[in-house]
């Protein structure tokens, strides 16, 4: 059974930092990443990385502030979030796929999703 478990969310003041973690179990993945969804908005691509080639992609709204990284084992991914803004407030979802070679930014390309972790940035 495949599981993605996120941790590290919470409440932080604007300008602060948080580090999200996601541990996957049940199979080996070729790509893992993060989406987020704010109240009343669609899910938004945040970042993703592949294990082959180590490619990384970021959503435009987080470039330069967020960094995605991975552990050597193909089951853990991190999202370091710096210079947080109130508009970063959302539920952050870990995603994974076992076939992906080129990073996709659309939700339907990812077969596996975590339950989500809340990030709240106070202004």
C-alpha atoms as a PDB file:
ATOM      1  CA  UNK A   1       0.000   0.000   0.000  1.00  0.00           C
ATOM      2  CA  UNK A   2       1.436   3.357  -1.039  1.00  0.00           C
ATOM      3  CA  UNK A   3       1.472   6.140   1.532  1.00  0.00           C
ATOM      4  CA  UNK A   4       2.797   9.692   1.434  1.00  0.00           C
ATOM      5  CA  UNK A   5       3.092  11.323   4.859  1.00  0.00           C
ATOM      6  CA  UNK A   6       3.769  15.044   5.140  1.00  0.00           C
ATOM      7  CA  UNK A   7       5.062  16.874   8.189  1.00  0.00           C
ATOM      8  CA  UNK A   8       6.446  20.261   9.123  1.00  0.00           C
ATOM      9  CA  UNK A   9       3.492  22.529   8.526  1.00  0.00           C
ATOM     10  CA  UNK A  10       2.380  25.122  11.045  1.00  0.00           C
ATOM     11  CA  UNK A  11       1.927  28.800  11.820  1.00  0.00           C
ATOM     12  CA  UNK A  12       4.697  31.262  11.030  1.00  0.00           C
ATOM     13  CA  UNK A  13       4.992  35.023  10.729  1.00  0.00           C
ATOM     14  CA  UNK A  14       5.552  36.673   7.384  1.00  0.00           C
ATOM     15  CA  UNK A  15       9.233  36.623   6.505  1.00  0.00           C
ATOM     16  CA  UNK A  16       9.798  33.419   8.413  1.00  0.00           C
ATOM     17  CA  UNK A  17      10.706  29.919   7.274  1.00  0.00           C
ATOM     18  CA  UNK A  18       9.330  26.400   7.409  1.00  0.00           C
ATOM     19  CA  UNK A  19      10.665  23.071   6.192  1.00  0.00           C
ATOM     20  CA  UNK A  20       8.201  20.465   4.997  1.00  0.00           C
ATOM     21  CA  UNK A  21       9.039  16.781   4.756  1.00  0.00           C
ATOM     22  CA  UNK A  22       7.361  13.958   2.907  1.00  0.00           C
ATOM     23  CA  UNK A  23       8.135  10.294   3.372  1.00  0.00           C
ATOM     24  CA  UNK A  24       6.744   7.813   0.904  1.00  0.00           C
ATOM     25  CA  UNK A  25       6.328   4.101   1.420  1.00  0.00           C
ATOM     26  CA  UNK A  26       5.042   1.199  -0.603  1.00  0.00           C
ATOM     27  CA  UNK A  27       7.078   1.614  -3.786  1.00  0.00           C
ATOM     28  CA  UNK A  28       9.935   3.485  -5.451  1.00  0.00           C
ATOM     29  CA  UNK A  29       9.158   6.737  -7.236  1.00  0.00           C
ATOM     30  CA  UNK A  30      10.868   8.535 -10.098  1.00  0.00           C
ATOM     31  CA  UNK A  31       9.530  11.972  -9.157  1.00  0.00           C
ATOM     32  CA  UNK A  32       8.163  13.662  -6.057  1.00  0.00           C
ATOM     33  CA  UNK A  33       6.995  17.158  -5.372  1.00  0.00           C
ATOM     34  CA  UNK A  34       4.526  19.550  -3.830  1.00  0.00           C
ATOM     35  CA  UNK A  35       1.270  21.241  -4.719  1.00  0.00           C
ATOM     36  CA  UNK A  36      -0.737  23.623  -2.577  1.00  0.00           C
ATOM     37  CA  UNK A  37      -4.321  24.739  -2.336  1.00  0.00           C
ATOM     38  CA  UNK A  38      -5.559  27.908  -0.697  1.00  0.00           C
ATOM     39  CA  UNK A  39      -9.226  28.358   0.304  1.00  0.00           C
ATOM     40  CA  UNK A  40     -11.379  29.031  -2.735  1.00  0.00           C
ATOM     41  CA  UNK A  41      -8.518  28.475  -5.182  1.00  0.00           C
ATOM     42  CA  UNK A  42      -7.380  25.664  -7.445  1.00  0.00           C
ATOM     43  CA  UNK A  43      -4.462  23.448  -6.600  1.00  0.00           C
ATOM     44  CA  UNK A  44      -1.207  25.091  -7.610  1.00  0.00           C
ATOM     45  CA  UNK A  45       2.104  23.496  -8.565  1.00  0.00           C
ATOM     46  CA  UNK A  46       4.839  24.433  -6.082  1.00  0.00           C
ATOM     47  CA  UNK A  47       7.905  22.324  -6.872  1.00  0.00           C
ATOM     48  CA  UNK A  48       9.033  18.879  -7.982  1.00  0.00           C
ATOM     49  CA  UNK A  49      12.197  16.898  -8.474  1.00  0.00           C
ATOM     50  CA  UNK A  50      13.224  13.734 -10.277  1.00  0.00           C
ATOM     51  CA  UNK A  51      15.712  11.176  -9.087  1.00  0.00           C
ATOM     52  CA  UNK A  52      17.199  10.473 -12.527  1.00  0.00           C
ATOM     53  CA  UNK A  53      19.114  13.613 -13.484  1.00  0.00           C
ATOM     54  CA  UNK A  54      18.036  15.500 -10.389  1.00  0.00           C
ATOM     55  CA  UNK A  55      15.854  17.891 -12.362  1.00  0.00           C
ATOM     56  CA  UNK A  56      13.913  20.491 -10.392  1.00  0.00           C
ATOM     57  CA  UNK A  57      11.050  22.789 -11.290  1.00  0.00           C
ATOM     58  CA  UNK A  58       9.349  25.560  -9.318  1.00  0.00           C
ATOM     59  CA  UNK A  59       6.119  27.442  -9.625  1.00  0.00           C
ATOM     60  CA  UNK A  60       6.582  31.088 -10.565  1.00  0.00           C
ATOM     61  CA  UNK A  61       5.202  32.340  -7.270  1.00  0.00           C
ATOM     62  CA  UNK A  62       7.828  30.511  -5.189  1.00  0.00           C
ATOM     63  CA  UNK A  63      10.963  30.763  -7.331  1.00  0.00           C
ATOM     64  CA  UNK A  64      13.878  32.154  -5.360  1.00  0.00           C
ATOM     65  CA  UNK A  65      12.180  31.532  -2.012  1.00  0.00           C
ATOM     66  CA  UNK A  66      11.478  27.795  -1.888  1.00  0.00           C
ATOM     67  CA  UNK A  67      13.949  24.951  -2.398  1.00  0.00           C
ATOM     68  CA  UNK A  68      13.091  21.327  -3.010  1.00  0.00           C
ATOM     69  CA  UNK A  69      15.559  18.612  -2.106  1.00  0.00           C
ATOM     70  CA  UNK A  70      15.551  14.876  -1.721  1.00  0.00           C
ATOM     71  CA  UNK A  71      17.201  12.234   0.384  1.00  0.00           C
ATOM     72  CA  UNK A  72      19.372   9.636  -1.304  1.00  0.00           C
ATOM     73  CA  UNK A  73      16.708   7.033  -0.807  1.00  0.00           C
ATOM     74  CA  UNK A  74      13.925   7.434  -3.331  1.00  0.00           C
ATOM     75  CA  UNK A  75      11.272   8.006  -0.767  1.00  0.00           C
ATOM     76  CA  UNK A  76      11.862  11.342   0.979  1.00  0.00           C
ATOM     77  CA  UNK A  77      11.529  14.882  -0.285  1.00  0.00           C
ATOM     78  CA  UNK A  78      11.828  18.212   1.513  1.00  0.00           C
ATOM     79  CA  UNK A  79      10.560  21.706   0.816  1.00  0.00           C
ATOM     80  CA  UNK A  80      12.477  24.541   2.458  1.00  0.00           C
ATOM     81  CA  UNK A  81      10.286  27.626   2.433  1.00  0.00           C
ATOM     82  CA  UNK A  82      11.929  30.983   3.148  1.00  0.00           C
ATOM     83  CA  UNK A  83      10.663  34.570   3.081  1.00  0.00           C
ATOM     84  CA  UNK A  84       7.132  33.331   3.570  1.00  0.00           C
ATOM     85  CA  UNK A  85       4.246  35.592   2.646  1.00  0.00           C
ATOM     86  CA  UNK A  86       0.611  35.643   3.686  1.00  0.00           C
ATOM     87  CA  UNK A  87      -0.310  34.428   0.189  1.00  0.00           C
ATOM     88  CA  UNK A  88       1.684  31.239   0.812  1.00  0.00           C
ATOM     89  CA  UNK A  89      -1.017  30.179   3.260  1.00  0.00           C
ATOM     90  CA  UNK A  90      -2.469  26.909   1.983  1.00  0.00           C
ATOM     91  CA  UNK A  91      -2.672  23.177   2.470  1.00  0.00           C
ATOM     92  CA  UNK A  92       0.496  21.696   1.014  1.00  0.00           C
ATOM     93  CA  UNK A  93       0.268  18.271  -0.612  1.00  0.00           C
ATOM     94  CA  UNK A  94       3.094  15.883  -1.319  1.00  0.00           C
ATOM     95  CA  UNK A  95       2.830  14.133  -4.682  1.00  0.00           C
ATOM     96  CA  UNK A  96       4.672  11.263  -6.317  1.00  0.00           C
ATOM     97  CA  UNK A  97       4.823   9.341  -9.546  1.00  0.00           C
ATOM     98  CA  UNK A  98       6.741   6.206 -10.507  1.00  0.00           C
ATOM     99  CA  UNK A  99       6.839   6.757 -14.297  1.00  0.00           C
ATOM    100  CA  UNK A 100       7.635  10.453 -14.625  1.00  0.00           C
ATOM    101  CA  UNK A 101      10.960  11.361 -16.276  1.00  0.00           C
ATOM    102  CA  UNK A 102      10.224  14.986 -17.187  1.00  0.00           C
ATOM    103  CA  UNK A 103       8.644  17.096 -14.469  1.00  0.00           C
ATOM    104  CA  UNK A 104       4.989  17.885 -15.014  1.00  0.00           C
ATOM    105  CA  UNK A 105       3.197  20.774 -13.368  1.00  0.00           C
ATOM    106  CA  UNK A 106      -0.382  19.595 -13.822  1.00  0.00           C
ATOM    107  CA  UNK A 107      -2.160  17.715 -11.060  1.00  0.00           C
ATOM    108  CA  UNK A 108      -3.361  14.811 -13.219  1.00  0.00           C
ATOM    109  CA  UNK A 109       0.168  13.638 -13.984  1.00  0.00           C
ATOM    110  CA  UNK A 110       0.723  12.579 -10.373  1.00  0.00           C
ATOM    111  CA  UNK A 111      -0.759   9.263  -9.287  1.00  0.00           C
ATOM    112  CA  UNK A 112      -0.160   9.521  -5.560  1.00  0.00           C
ATOM    113  CA  UNK A 113      -1.063  12.266  -3.099  1.00  0.00           C
ATOM    114  CA  UNK A 114      -0.568  12.796   0.602  1.00  0.00           C
ATOM    115  CA  UNK A 115      -3.255  14.010   2.991  1.00  0.00           C
ATOM    116  CA  UNK A 116      -1.813  17.502   3.163  1.00  0.00           C
ATOM    117  CA  UNK A 117      -0.277  19.707   5.832  1.00  0.00           C
ATOM    118  CA  UNK A 118      -1.506  23.191   6.695  1.00  0.00           C
ATOM    119  CA  UNK A 119       0.850  26.152   6.361  1.00  0.00           C
ATOM    120  CA  UNK A 120      -0.414  29.449   7.745  1.00  0.00           C
ATOM    121  CA  UNK A 121       1.552  32.653   7.362  1.00  0.00           C
ATOM    122  CA  UNK A 122       0.414  35.583   9.480  1.00  0.00           C
ATOM    123  CA  UNK A 123       0.983  39.095   8.214  1.00  0.00           C
END
